[in-house]
C-alpha cells in the first residue's frame, strides 16, 4: 500500500483508472476525508486542503478529529503458531502480549 504523511496524518494512496488520477484517503479519522490529484505535488496539495477542511469542521462541531482505539483486538492464528509465540515469549521472560506488541511495533515502524 502506498502511504503519504502530512503533519502526522497518514493517507492511503491508490490510482483510480476511471478518473486517471490518484486518490487519497486520510486514515484514522472520526469521519472520512479523501482527495484527488494527477501528480504527487497536486496530491500533497489536495491532502493539505482536505485535512484543513476536515479539521475546521471538527472544530466547529466540537468533534475530536482522531478516531479513538481501545488498544484491544482479537486475533485468530493457528494453534501451532500460538504455541511457538508462547514459547518464545516465555524464553524472553515476556508475556505473549508484550512479545507480540513489540513485534507489531517494529513492523509498522
PDB file of N, CA and C in Angstrom:
ATOM      1  N   UNK A   1       0.847  -1.169   0.000  1.00  0.00           N
ATOM      2  CA  UNK A   1       0.000   0.000   0.000  1.00  0.00           C
ATOM      3  C   UNK A   1       0.894   1.233   0.000  1.00  0.00           C
ATOM      4  N   UNK A   2       0.537   2.208  -0.784  1.00  0.00           N
ATOM      5  CA  UNK A   2       1.258   3.467  -0.829  1.00  0.00           C
ATOM      6  C   UNK A   2       0.672   4.412   0.195  1.00  0.00           C
ATOM      7  N   UNK A   3       1.562   5.051   0.953  1.00  0.00           N
ATOM      8  CA  UNK A   3       1.133   5.958   2.014  1.00  0.00           C
ATOM      9  C   UNK A   3       1.765   7.328   1.785  1.00  0.00           C
ATOM     10  N   UNK A   4       1.065   8.339   2.271  1.00  0.00           N
ATOM     11  CA  UNK A   4       1.572   9.697   2.268  1.00  0.00           C
ATOM     12  C   UNK A   4       1.290  10.245   3.661  1.00  0.00           C
ATOM     13  N   UNK A   5       2.195  11.054   4.196  1.00  0.00           N
ATOM     14  CA  UNK A   5       2.006  11.598   5.534  1.00  0.00           C
ATOM     15  C   UNK A   5       2.232  13.102   5.527  1.00  0.00           C
ATOM     16  N   UNK A   6       1.323  13.816   6.184  1.00  0.00           N
ATOM     17  CA  UNK A   6       1.443  15.265   6.359  1.00  0.00           C
ATOM     18  C   UNK A   6       1.022  15.590   7.783  1.00  0.00           C
ATOM     19  N   UNK A   7       1.886  16.295   8.496  1.00  0.00           N
ATOM     20  CA  UNK A   7       1.608  16.734   9.870  1.00  0.00           C
ATOM     21  C   UNK A   7       1.159  15.589  10.784  1.00  0.00           C
ATOM     22  N   UNK A   8       1.742  14.411  10.590  1.00  0.00           N
ATOM     23  CA  UNK A   8       1.405  13.263  11.433  1.00  0.00           C
ATOM     24  C   UNK A   8       0.159  12.513  10.993  1.00  0.00           C
ATOM     25  N   UNK A   9      -0.553  13.007  10.004  1.00  0.00           N
ATOM     26  CA  UNK A   9      -1.727  12.316   9.465  1.00  0.00           C
ATOM     27  C   UNK A   9      -1.279  11.490   8.267  1.00  0.00           C
ATOM     28  N   UNK A  10      -1.780  10.255   8.198  1.00  0.00           N
ATOM     29  CA  UNK A  10      -1.407   9.344   7.123  1.00  0.00           C
ATOM     30  C   UNK A  10      -2.588   9.158   6.171  1.00  0.00           C
ATOM     31  N   UNK A  11      -2.258   8.965   4.912  1.00  0.00           N
ATOM     32  CA  UNK A  11      -3.281   8.709   3.905  1.00  0.00           C
ATOM     33  C   UNK A  11      -2.858   7.529   3.038  1.00  0.00           C
ATOM     34  N   UNK A  12      -3.823   6.722   2.691  1.00  0.00           N
ATOM     35  CA  UNK A  12      -3.633   5.606   1.765  1.00  0.00           C
ATOM     36  C   UNK A  12      -3.818   6.167   0.356  1.00  0.00           C
ATOM     37  N   UNK A  13      -2.888   5.876  -0.534  1.00  0.00           N
ATOM     38  CA  UNK A  13      -2.933   6.402  -1.897  1.00  0.00           C
ATOM     39  C   UNK A  13      -3.138   5.251  -2.879  1.00  0.00           C
ATOM     40  N   UNK A  14      -4.108   5.436  -3.779  1.00  0.00           N
ATOM     41  CA  UNK A  14      -4.378   4.446  -4.824  1.00  0.00           C
ATOM     42  C   UNK A  14      -4.586   5.175  -6.145  1.00  0.00           C
ATOM     43  N   UNK A  15      -4.364   4.466  -7.223  1.00  0.00           N
ATOM     44  CA  UNK A  15      -4.624   5.017  -8.544  1.00  0.00           C
ATOM     45  C   UNK A  15      -6.036   4.648  -8.974  1.00  0.00           C
ATOM     46  N   UNK A  16      -6.791   5.634  -9.456  1.00  0.00           N
ATOM     47  CA  UNK A  16      -8.148   5.415  -9.950  1.00  0.00           C
ATOM     48  C   UNK A  16      -8.115   5.494 -11.475  1.00  0.00           C
ATOM     49  N   UNK A  17      -8.130   4.349 -12.165  1.00  0.00           N
ATOM     50  CA  UNK A  17      -8.020   4.370 -13.624  1.00  0.00           C
ATOM     51  C   UNK A  17      -9.218   5.022 -14.310  1.00  0.00           C
ATOM     52  N   UNK A  18     -10.388   4.977 -13.681  1.00  0.00           N
ATOM     53  CA  UNK A  18     -11.569   5.592 -14.293  1.00  0.00           C
ATOM     54  C   UNK A  18     -11.420   7.110 -14.373  1.00  0.00           C
ATOM     55  N   UNK A  19     -10.788   7.701 -13.368  1.00  0.00           N
ATOM     56  CA  UNK A  19     -10.594   9.152 -13.338  1.00  0.00           C
ATOM     57  C   UNK A  19      -9.210   9.568 -13.826  1.00  0.00           C
ATOM     58  N   UNK A  20      -8.327   8.574 -14.019  1.00  0.00           N
ATOM     59  CA  UNK A  20      -6.941   8.828 -14.390  1.00  0.00           C
ATOM     60  C   UNK A  20      -6.280   9.789 -13.400  1.00  0.00           C
ATOM     61  N   UNK A  21      -6.534   9.526 -12.114  1.00  0.00           N
ATOM     62  CA  UNK A  21      -5.962  10.330 -11.039  1.00  0.00           C
ATOM     63  C   UNK A  21      -5.622   9.418  -9.862  1.00  0.00           C
ATOM     64  N   UNK A  22      -4.824   9.968  -8.978  1.00  0.00           N
ATOM     65  CA  UNK A  22      -4.555   9.285  -7.725  1.00  0.00           C
ATOM     66  C   UNK A  22      -5.602   9.725  -6.720  1.00  0.00           C
ATOM     67  N   UNK A  23      -6.023   8.789  -5.877  1.00  0.00           N
ATOM     68  CA  UNK A  23      -6.993   9.082  -4.827  1.00  0.00           C
ATOM     69  C   UNK A  23      -6.338   8.803  -3.494  1.00  0.00           C
ATOM     70  N   UNK A  24      -6.508   9.741  -2.572  1.00  0.00           N
ATOM     71  CA  UNK A  24      -6.003   9.562  -1.224  1.00  0.00           C
ATOM     72  C   UNK A  24      -7.145   9.517  -0.244  1.00  0.00           C
ATOM     73  N   UNK A  25      -6.999   8.708   0.784  1.00  0.00           N
ATOM     74  CA  UNK A  25      -7.979   8.633   1.868  1.00  0.00           C
ATOM     75  C   UNK A  25      -7.218   8.793   3.177  1.00  0.00           C
ATOM     76  N   UNK A  26      -7.567   9.831   3.953  1.00  0.00           N
ATOM     77  CA  UNK A  26      -6.890  10.077   5.217  1.00  0.00           C
ATOM     78  C   UNK A  26      -7.374   9.043   6.225  1.00  0.00           C
ATOM     79  N   UNK A  27      -6.426   8.416   6.900  1.00  0.00           N
ATOM     80  CA  UNK A  27      -6.710   7.301   7.796  1.00  0.00           C
ATOM     81  C   UNK A  27      -6.787   7.746   9.255  1.00  0.00           C
ATOM     82  N   UNK A  28      -7.553   6.997  10.055  1.00  0.00           N
ATOM     83  CA  UNK A  28      -7.594   7.210  11.496  1.00  0.00           C
ATOM     84  C   UNK A  28      -8.425   8.398  11.937  1.00  0.00           C
ATOM     85  N   UNK A  29      -9.342   8.835  11.088  1.00  0.00           N
ATOM     86  CA  UNK A  29     -10.180   9.991  11.426  1.00  0.00           C
ATOM     87  C   UNK A  29     -11.551   9.557  11.933  1.00  0.00           C
ATOM     88  N   UNK A  30     -12.189  10.438  12.664  1.00  0.00           N
ATOM     89  CA  UNK A  30     -13.577  10.247  13.097  1.00  0.00           C
ATOM     90  C   UNK A  30     -14.499  10.725  11.980  1.00  0.00           C
ATOM     91  N   UNK A  31     -14.411  10.126  10.868  1.00  0.00           N
ATOM     92  CA  UNK A  31     -15.162  10.532   9.686  1.00  0.00           C
ATOM     93  C   UNK A  31     -14.325  10.180   8.481  1.00  0.00           C
ATOM     94  N   UNK A  32     -14.714  10.708   7.332  1.00  0.00           N
ATOM     95  CA  UNK A  32     -13.933  10.377   6.146  1.00  0.00           C
ATOM     96  C   UNK A  32     -13.513  11.643   5.426  1.00  0.00           C
ATOM     97  N   UNK A  33     -12.326  11.589   4.880  1.00  0.00           N
ATOM     98  CA  UNK A  33     -11.784  12.699   4.105  1.00  0.00           C
ATOM     99  C   UNK A  33     -10.925  12.099   3.006  1.00  0.00           C
ATOM    100  N   UNK A  34     -11.246  12.445   1.770  1.00  0.00           N
ATOM    101  CA  UNK A  34     -10.441  11.959   0.661  1.00  0.00           C
ATOM    102  C   UNK A  34     -10.063  13.122  -0.237  1.00  0.00           C
ATOM    103  N   UNK A  35      -9.190  12.840  -1.193  1.00  0.00           N
ATOM    104  CA  UNK A  35      -8.668  13.885  -2.071  1.00  0.00           C
ATOM    105  C   UNK A  35      -8.119  13.235  -3.326  1.00  0.00           C
ATOM    106  N   UNK A  36      -7.979  14.030  -4.383  1.00  0.00           N
ATOM    107  CA  UNK A  36      -7.522  13.526  -5.678  1.00  0.00           C
ATOM    108  C   UNK A  36      -6.442  14.429  -6.239  1.00  0.00           C
ATOM    109  N   UNK A  37      -5.570  13.853  -7.055  1.00  0.00           N
ATOM    110  CA  UNK A  37      -4.554  14.635  -7.746  1.00  0.00           C
ATOM    111  C   UNK A  37      -3.932  13.828  -8.867  1.00  0.00           C
ATOM    112  N   UNK A  38      -3.456  14.524  -9.888  1.00  0.00           N
ATOM    113  CA  UNK A  38      -2.834  13.847 -11.031  1.00  0.00           C
ATOM    114  C   UNK A  38      -1.338  13.618 -10.828  1.00  0.00           C
ATOM    115  N   UNK A  39      -0.715  14.430  -9.976  1.00  0.00           N
ATOM    116  CA  UNK A  39       0.721  14.314  -9.722  1.00  0.00           C
ATOM    117  C   UNK A  39       0.952  14.221  -8.217  1.00  0.00           C
ATOM    118  N   UNK A  40       2.107  13.748  -7.799  1.00  0.00           N
ATOM    119  CA  UNK A  40       2.394  13.740  -6.361  1.00  0.00           C
ATOM    120  C   UNK A  40       2.280  15.133  -5.726  1.00  0.00           C
ATOM    121  N   UNK A  41       2.739  16.154  -6.429  1.00  0.00           N
ATOM    122  CA  UNK A  41       2.659  17.522  -5.889  1.00  0.00           C
ATOM    123  C   UNK A  41       1.206  17.963  -5.715  1.00  0.00           C
ATOM    124  N   UNK A  42       0.368  17.690  -6.718  1.00  0.00           N
ATOM    125  CA  UNK A  42      -1.042  18.091  -6.599  1.00  0.00           C
ATOM    126  C   UNK A  42      -1.754  17.249  -5.538  1.00  0.00           C
ATOM    127  N   UNK A  43      -1.341  16.011  -5.399  1.00  0.00           N
ATOM    128  CA  UNK A  43      -1.924  15.133  -4.385  1.00  0.00           C
ATOM    129  C   UNK A  43      -1.600  15.650  -2.983  1.00  0.00           C
ATOM    130  N   UNK A  44      -0.329  16.058  -2.761  1.00  0.00           N
ATOM    131  CA  UNK A  44       0.050  16.630  -1.461  1.00  0.00           C
ATOM    132  C   UNK A  44      -0.735  17.899  -1.163  1.00  0.00           C
ATOM    133  N   UNK A  45      -0.891  18.753  -2.174  1.00  0.00           N
ATOM    134  CA  UNK A  45      -1.640  20.000  -2.004  1.00  0.00           C
ATOM    135  C   UNK A  45      -3.087  19.710  -1.617  1.00  0.00           C
ATOM    136  N   UNK A  46      -3.706  18.756  -2.305  1.00  0.00           N
ATOM    137  CA  UNK A  46      -5.096  18.414  -2.014  1.00  0.00           C
ATOM    138  C   UNK A  46      -5.238  17.710  -0.668  1.00  0.00           C
ATOM    139  N   UNK A  47      -4.235  16.935  -0.288  1.00  0.00           N
ATOM    140  CA  UNK A  47      -4.212  16.303   1.033  1.00  0.00           C
ATOM    141  C   UNK A  47      -4.276  17.401   2.091  1.00  0.00           C
ATOM    142  N   UNK A  48      -3.399  18.395   1.979  1.00  0.00           N
ATOM    143  CA  UNK A  48      -3.374  19.504   2.948  1.00  0.00           C
ATOM    144  C   UNK A  48      -4.723  20.219   2.988  1.00  0.00           C
ATOM    145  N   UNK A  49      -5.299  20.488   1.822  1.00  0.00           N
ATOM    146  CA  UNK A  49      -6.593  21.186   1.761  1.00  0.00           C
ATOM    147  C   UNK A  49      -7.704  20.362   2.400  1.00  0.00           C
ATOM    148  N   UNK A  50      -7.769  19.090   2.065  1.00  0.00           N
ATOM    149  CA  UNK A  50      -8.806  18.213   2.597  1.00  0.00           C
ATOM    150  C   UNK A  50      -8.681  18.087   4.110  1.00  0.00           C
ATOM    151  N   UNK A  51      -7.443  17.931   4.585  1.00  0.00           N
ATOM    152  CA  UNK A  51      -7.206  17.820   6.024  1.00  0.00           C
ATOM    153  C   UNK A  51      -7.605  19.106   6.736  1.00  0.00           C
ATOM    154  N   UNK A  52      -7.251  20.248   6.163  1.00  0.00           N
ATOM    155  CA  UNK A  52      -7.585  21.545   6.757  1.00  0.00           C
ATOM    156  C   UNK A  52      -9.100  21.704   6.897  1.00  0.00           C
ATOM    157  N   UNK A  53      -9.836  21.386   5.843  1.00  0.00           N
ATOM    158  CA  UNK A  53     -11.299  21.491   5.879  1.00  0.00           C
ATOM    159  C   UNK A  53     -11.875  20.531   6.910  1.00  0.00           C
ATOM    160  N   UNK A  54     -11.386  19.300   6.923  1.00  0.00           N
ATOM    161  CA  UNK A  54     -11.882  18.309   7.884  1.00  0.00           C
ATOM    162  C   UNK A  54     -11.659  18.791   9.313  1.00  0.00           C
ATOM    163  N   UNK A  55     -10.456  19.283   9.612  1.00  0.00           N
ATOM    164  CA  UNK A  55     -10.149  19.752  10.968  1.00  0.00           C
ATOM    165  C   UNK A  55     -10.982  20.971  11.345  1.00  0.00           C
ATOM    166  N   UNK A  56     -11.232  21.841  10.392  1.00  0.00           N
ATOM    167  CA  UNK A  56     -12.078  23.021  10.656  1.00  0.00           C
ATOM    168  C   UNK A  56     -13.500  22.601  11.002  1.00  0.00           C
ATOM    169  N   UNK A  57     -14.055  21.660  10.251  1.00  0.00           N
ATOM    170  CA  UNK A  57     -15.411  21.170  10.512  1.00  0.00           C
ATOM    171  C   UNK A  57     -15.468  20.507  11.890  1.00  0.00           C
ATOM    172  N   UNK A  58     -14.467  19.718  12.211  1.00  0.00           N
ATOM    173  CA  UNK A  58     -14.427  19.064  13.527  1.00  0.00           C
ATOM    174  C   UNK A  58     -14.400  20.103  14.640  1.00  0.00           C
ATOM    175  N   UNK A  59     -13.611  21.151  14.459  1.00  0.00           N
ATOM    176  CA  UNK A  59     -13.536  22.198  15.478  1.00  0.00           C
ATOM    177  C   UNK A  59     -14.879  22.909  15.631  1.00  0.00           C
ATOM    178  N   UNK A  60     -15.518  23.228  14.520  1.00  0.00           N
ATOM    179  CA  UNK A  60     -16.834  23.889  14.553  1.00  0.00           C
ATOM    180  C   UNK A  60     -17.884  23.017  15.232  1.00  0.00           C
ATOM    181  N   UNK A  61     -17.815  21.710  14.993  1.00  0.00           N
ATOM    182  CA  UNK A  61     -18.798  20.776  15.529  1.00  0.00           C
ATOM    183  C   UNK A  61     -18.438  20.256  16.925  1.00  0.00           C
ATOM    184  N   UNK A  62     -17.240  20.597  17.405  1.00  0.00           N
ATOM    185  CA  UNK A  62     -16.784  20.105  18.707  1.00  0.00           C
ATOM    186  C   UNK A  62     -16.488  18.617  18.714  1.00  0.00           C
ATOM    187  N   UNK A  63     -15.984  18.107  17.588  1.00  0.00           N
ATOM    188  CA  UNK A  63     -15.700  16.679  17.431  1.00  0.00           C
ATOM    189  C   UNK A  63     -14.190  16.462  17.481  1.00  0.00           C
ATOM    190  N   UNK A  64     -13.764  15.414  18.198  1.00  0.00           N
ATOM    191  CA  UNK A  64     -12.359  15.023  18.178  1.00  0.00           C
ATOM    192  C   UNK A  64     -12.070  14.446  16.796  1.00  0.00           C
ATOM    193  N   UNK A  65     -11.128  15.016  16.040  1.00  0.00           N
ATOM    194  CA  UNK A  65     -10.894  14.532  14.675  1.00  0.00           C
ATOM    195  C   UNK A  65     -10.258  13.151  14.595  1.00  0.00           C
ATOM    196  N   UNK A  66      -9.572  12.736  15.651  1.00  0.00           N
ATOM    197  CA  UNK A  66      -8.848  11.464  15.650  1.00  0.00           C
ATOM    198  C   UNK A  66      -9.728  10.357  16.209  1.00  0.00           C
ATOM    199  N   UNK A  67      -9.828   9.271  15.479  1.00  0.00           N
ATOM    200  CA  UNK A  67     -10.583   8.114  15.933  1.00  0.00           C
ATOM    201  C   UNK A  67      -9.884   7.485  17.133  1.00  0.00           C
ATOM    202  N   UNK A  68     -10.647   7.158  18.164  1.00  0.00           N
ATOM    203  CA  UNK A  68     -10.101   6.506  19.349  1.00  0.00           C
ATOM    204  C   UNK A  68     -10.094   4.995  19.153  1.00  0.00           C
ATOM    205  N   UNK A  69      -9.025   4.364  19.618  1.00  0.00           N
ATOM    206  CA  UNK A  69      -8.910   2.914  19.574  1.00  0.00           C
ATOM    207  C   UNK A  69      -8.711   2.410  21.001  1.00  0.00           C
ATOM    208  N   UNK A  70      -9.296   1.275  21.324  1.00  0.00           N
ATOM    209  CA  UNK A  70      -9.243   0.737  22.685  1.00  0.00           C
ATOM    210  C   UNK A  70      -7.881   0.142  23.024  1.00  0.00           C
ATOM    211  N   UNK A  71      -7.134  -0.251  22.006  1.00  0.00           N
ATOM    212  CA  UNK A  71      -5.873  -0.932  22.255  1.00  0.00           C
ATOM    213  C   UNK A  71      -6.044  -2.437  22.376  1.00  0.00           C
ATOM    214  N   UNK A  72      -7.263  -2.908  22.128  1.00  0.00           N
ATOM    215  CA  UNK A  72      -7.541  -4.341  22.199  1.00  0.00           C
ATOM    216  C   UNK A  72      -8.122  -4.807  20.865  1.00  0.00           C
ATOM    217  N   UNK A  73      -7.684  -5.991  20.434  1.00  0.00           N
ATOM    218  CA  UNK A  73      -8.320  -6.641  19.285  1.00  0.00           C
ATOM    219  C   UNK A  73      -8.078  -8.137  19.375  1.00  0.00           C
ATOM    220  N   UNK A  74      -8.973  -8.908  18.824  1.00  0.00           N
ATOM    221  CA  UNK A  74      -8.849 -10.365  18.816  1.00  0.00           C
ATOM    222  C   UNK A  74      -8.111 -10.790  17.556  1.00  0.00           C
ATOM    223  N   UNK A  75      -7.273 -11.773  17.718  1.00  0.00           N
ATOM    224  CA  UNK A  75      -6.507 -12.283  16.598  1.00  0.00           C
ATOM    225  C   UNK A  75      -6.595 -13.799  16.599  1.00  0.00           C
ATOM    226  N   UNK A  76      -7.017 -14.364  15.493  1.00  0.00           N
ATOM    227  CA  UNK A  76      -7.098 -15.814  15.382  1.00  0.00           C
ATOM    228  C   UNK A  76      -5.920 -16.300  14.556  1.00  0.00           C
ATOM    229  N   UNK A  77      -5.147 -17.212  15.151  1.00  0.00           N
ATOM    230  CA  UNK A  77      -3.970 -17.762  14.485  1.00  0.00           C
ATOM    231  C   UNK A  77      -3.974 -19.281  14.677  1.00  0.00           C
ATOM    232  N   UNK A  78      -3.224 -20.003  13.858  1.00  0.00           N
ATOM    233  CA  UNK A  78      -3.143 -21.457  14.036  1.00  0.00           C
ATOM    234  C   UNK A  78      -2.548 -21.806  15.404  1.00  0.00           C
ATOM    235  N   UNK A  79      -3.005 -22.905  15.970  1.00  0.00           N
ATOM    236  CA  UNK A  79      -2.564 -23.293  17.309  1.00  0.00           C
ATOM    237  C   UNK A  79      -1.051 -23.508  17.380  1.00  0.00           C
ATOM    238  N   UNK A  80      -0.460 -24.020  16.320  1.00  0.00           N
ATOM    239  CA  UNK A  80       0.993 -24.222  16.308  1.00  0.00           C
ATOM    240  C   UNK A  80       1.750 -22.903  16.398  1.00  0.00           C
ATOM    241  N   UNK A  81       1.250 -21.895  15.709  1.00  0.00           N
ATOM    242  CA  UNK A  81       1.864 -20.569  15.790  1.00  0.00           C
ATOM    243  C   UNK A  81       1.701 -19.987  17.187  1.00  0.00           C
ATOM    244  N   UNK A  82       0.527 -20.186  17.774  1.00  0.00           N
ATOM    245  CA  UNK A  82       0.272 -19.717  19.143  1.00  0.00           C
ATOM    246  C   UNK A  82       1.272 -20.368  20.103  1.00  0.00           C
ATOM    247  N   UNK A  83       1.470 -21.659  19.952  1.00  0.00           N
ATOM    248  CA  UNK A  83       2.398 -22.409  20.802  1.00  0.00           C
ATOM    249  C   UNK A  83       3.824 -21.860  20.651  1.00  0.00           C
ATOM    250  N   UNK A  84       4.245 -21.606  19.406  1.00  0.00           N
ATOM    251  CA  UNK A  84       5.598 -21.082  19.154  1.00  0.00           C
ATOM    252  C   UNK A  84       5.766 -19.683  19.745  1.00  0.00           C
ATOM    253  N   UNK A  85       4.762 -18.842  19.593  1.00  0.00           N
ATOM    254  CA  UNK A  85       4.814 -17.484  20.163  1.00  0.00           C
ATOM    255  C   UNK A  85       4.913 -17.566  21.679  1.00  0.00           C
ATOM    256  N   UNK A  86       4.097 -18.422  22.284  1.00  0.00           N
ATOM    257  CA  UNK A  86       4.117 -18.572  23.745  1.00  0.00           C
ATOM    258  C   UNK A  86       5.492 -19.035  24.219  1.00  0.00           C
ATOM    259  N   UNK A  87       6.108 -19.973  23.503  1.00  0.00           N
ATOM    260  CA  UNK A  87       7.429 -20.478  23.885  1.00  0.00           C
ATOM    261  C   UNK A  87       8.480 -19.377  23.790  1.00  0.00           C
ATOM    262  N   UNK A  88       8.449 -18.626  22.708  1.00  0.00           N
ATOM    263  CA  UNK A  88       9.446 -17.558  22.537  1.00  0.00           C
ATOM    264  C   UNK A  88       9.237 -16.436  23.548  1.00  0.00           C
ATOM    265  N   UNK A  89       7.985 -16.094  23.819  1.00  0.00           N
ATOM    266  CA  UNK A  89       7.704 -15.065  24.822  1.00  0.00           C
ATOM    267  C   UNK A  89       8.224 -15.500  26.188  1.00  0.00           C
ATOM    268  N   UNK A  90       7.951 -16.742  26.552  1.00  0.00           N
ATOM    269  CA  UNK A  90       8.416 -17.274  27.832  1.00  0.00           C
ATOM    270  C   UNK A  90       9.940 -17.268  27.889  1.00  0.00           C
ATOM    271  N   UNK A  91      10.595 -17.648  26.809  1.00  0.00           N
ATOM    272  CA  UNK A  91      12.058 -17.671  26.765  1.00  0.00           C
ATOM    273  C   UNK A  91      12.650 -16.276  26.961  1.00  0.00           C
ATOM    274  N   UNK A  92      11.904 -15.249  26.572  1.00  0.00           N
ATOM    275  CA  UNK A  92      12.371 -13.860  26.736  1.00  0.00           C
ATOM    276  C   UNK A  92      11.808 -13.220  28.008  1.00  0.00           C
ATOM    277  N   UNK A  93      11.195 -14.047  28.873  1.00  0.00           N
ATOM    278  CA  UNK A  93      10.583 -13.550  30.120  1.00  0.00           C
ATOM    279  C   UNK A  93       9.577 -12.422  29.858  1.00  0.00           C
ATOM    280  N   UNK A  94       8.748 -12.628  28.841  1.00  0.00           N
ATOM    281  CA  UNK A  94       7.724 -11.650  28.470  1.00  0.00           C
ATOM    282  C   UNK A  94       6.379 -12.347  28.389  1.00  0.00           C
ATOM    283  N   UNK A  95       5.334 -11.567  28.550  1.00  0.00           N
ATOM    284  CA  UNK A  95       4.003 -12.107  28.287  1.00  0.00           C
ATOM    285  C   UNK A  95       3.824 -12.200  26.774  1.00  0.00           C
ATOM    286  N   UNK A  96       2.865 -12.988  26.347  1.00  0.00           N
ATOM    287  CA  UNK A  96       2.567 -13.060  24.913  1.00  0.00           C
ATOM    288  C   UNK A  96       2.213 -11.668  24.399  1.00  0.00           C
ATOM    289  N   UNK A  97       1.437 -10.912  25.179  1.00  0.00           N
ATOM    290  CA  UNK A  97       1.033  -9.569  24.779  1.00  0.00           C
ATOM    291  C   UNK A  97       2.255  -8.670  24.559  1.00  0.00           C
ATOM    292  N   UNK A  98       3.206  -8.686  25.499  1.00  0.00           N
ATOM    293  CA  UNK A  98       4.419  -7.869  25.352  1.00  0.00           C
ATOM    294  C   UNK A  98       5.208  -8.297  24.116  1.00  0.00           C
ATOM    295  N   UNK A  99       5.369  -9.584  23.955  1.00  0.00           N
ATOM    296  CA  UNK A  99       6.145 -10.129  22.843  1.00  0.00           C
ATOM    297  C   UNK A  99       5.537  -9.723  21.496  1.00  0.00           C
ATOM    298  N   UNK A 100       4.243  -9.967  21.329  1.00  0.00           N
ATOM    299  CA  UNK A 100       3.572  -9.661  20.059  1.00  0.00           C
ATOM    300  C   UNK A 100       3.502  -8.153  19.835  1.00  0.00           C
ATOM    301  N   UNK A 101       3.253  -7.391  20.882  1.00  0.00           N
ATOM    302  CA  UNK A 101       3.187  -5.932  20.767  1.00  0.00           C
ATOM    303  C   UNK A 101       4.507  -5.370  20.248  1.00  0.00           C
ATOM    304  N   UNK A 102       5.623  -5.872  20.764  1.00  0.00           N
ATOM    305  CA  UNK A 102       6.936  -5.420  20.302  1.00  0.00           C
ATOM    306  C   UNK A 102       7.168  -5.757  18.830  1.00  0.00           C
ATOM    307  N   UNK A 103       6.756  -6.942  18.425  1.00  0.00           N
ATOM    308  CA  UNK A 103       6.904  -7.348  17.024  1.00  0.00           C
ATOM    309  C   UNK A 103       6.052  -6.457  16.122  1.00  0.00           C
ATOM    310  N   UNK A 104       4.820  -6.204  16.513  1.00  0.00           N
ATOM    311  CA  UNK A 104       3.952  -5.356  15.702  1.00  0.00           C
ATOM    312  C   UNK A 104       4.494  -3.934  15.609  1.00  0.00           C
ATOM    313  N   UNK A 105       5.009  -3.418  16.717  1.00  0.00           N
ATOM    314  CA  UNK A 105       5.573  -2.065  16.723  1.00  0.00           C
ATOM    315  C   UNK A 105       6.749  -1.974  15.751  1.00  0.00           C
ATOM    316  N   UNK A 106       7.639  -2.952  15.780  1.00  0.00           N
ATOM    317  CA  UNK A 106       8.774  -2.958  14.836  1.00  0.00           C
ATOM    318  C   UNK A 106       8.269  -3.036  13.394  1.00  0.00           C
ATOM    319  N   UNK A 107       7.220  -3.790  13.184  1.00  0.00           N
ATOM    320  CA  UNK A 107       6.692  -3.983  11.835  1.00  0.00           C
ATOM    321  C   UNK A 107       6.140  -2.684  11.230  1.00  0.00           C
ATOM    322  N   UNK A 108       5.490  -1.865  12.028  1.00  0.00           N
ATOM    323  CA  UNK A 108       4.889  -0.630  11.491  1.00  0.00           C
ATOM    324  C   UNK A 108       5.862   0.539  11.498  1.00  0.00           C
ATOM    325  N   UNK A 109       6.950   0.421  12.244  1.00  0.00           N
ATOM    326  CA  UNK A 109       7.957   1.487  12.240  1.00  0.00           C
ATOM    327  C   UNK A 109       8.957   1.179  11.203  1.00  0.00           C
TER     328      UNK A 109
END
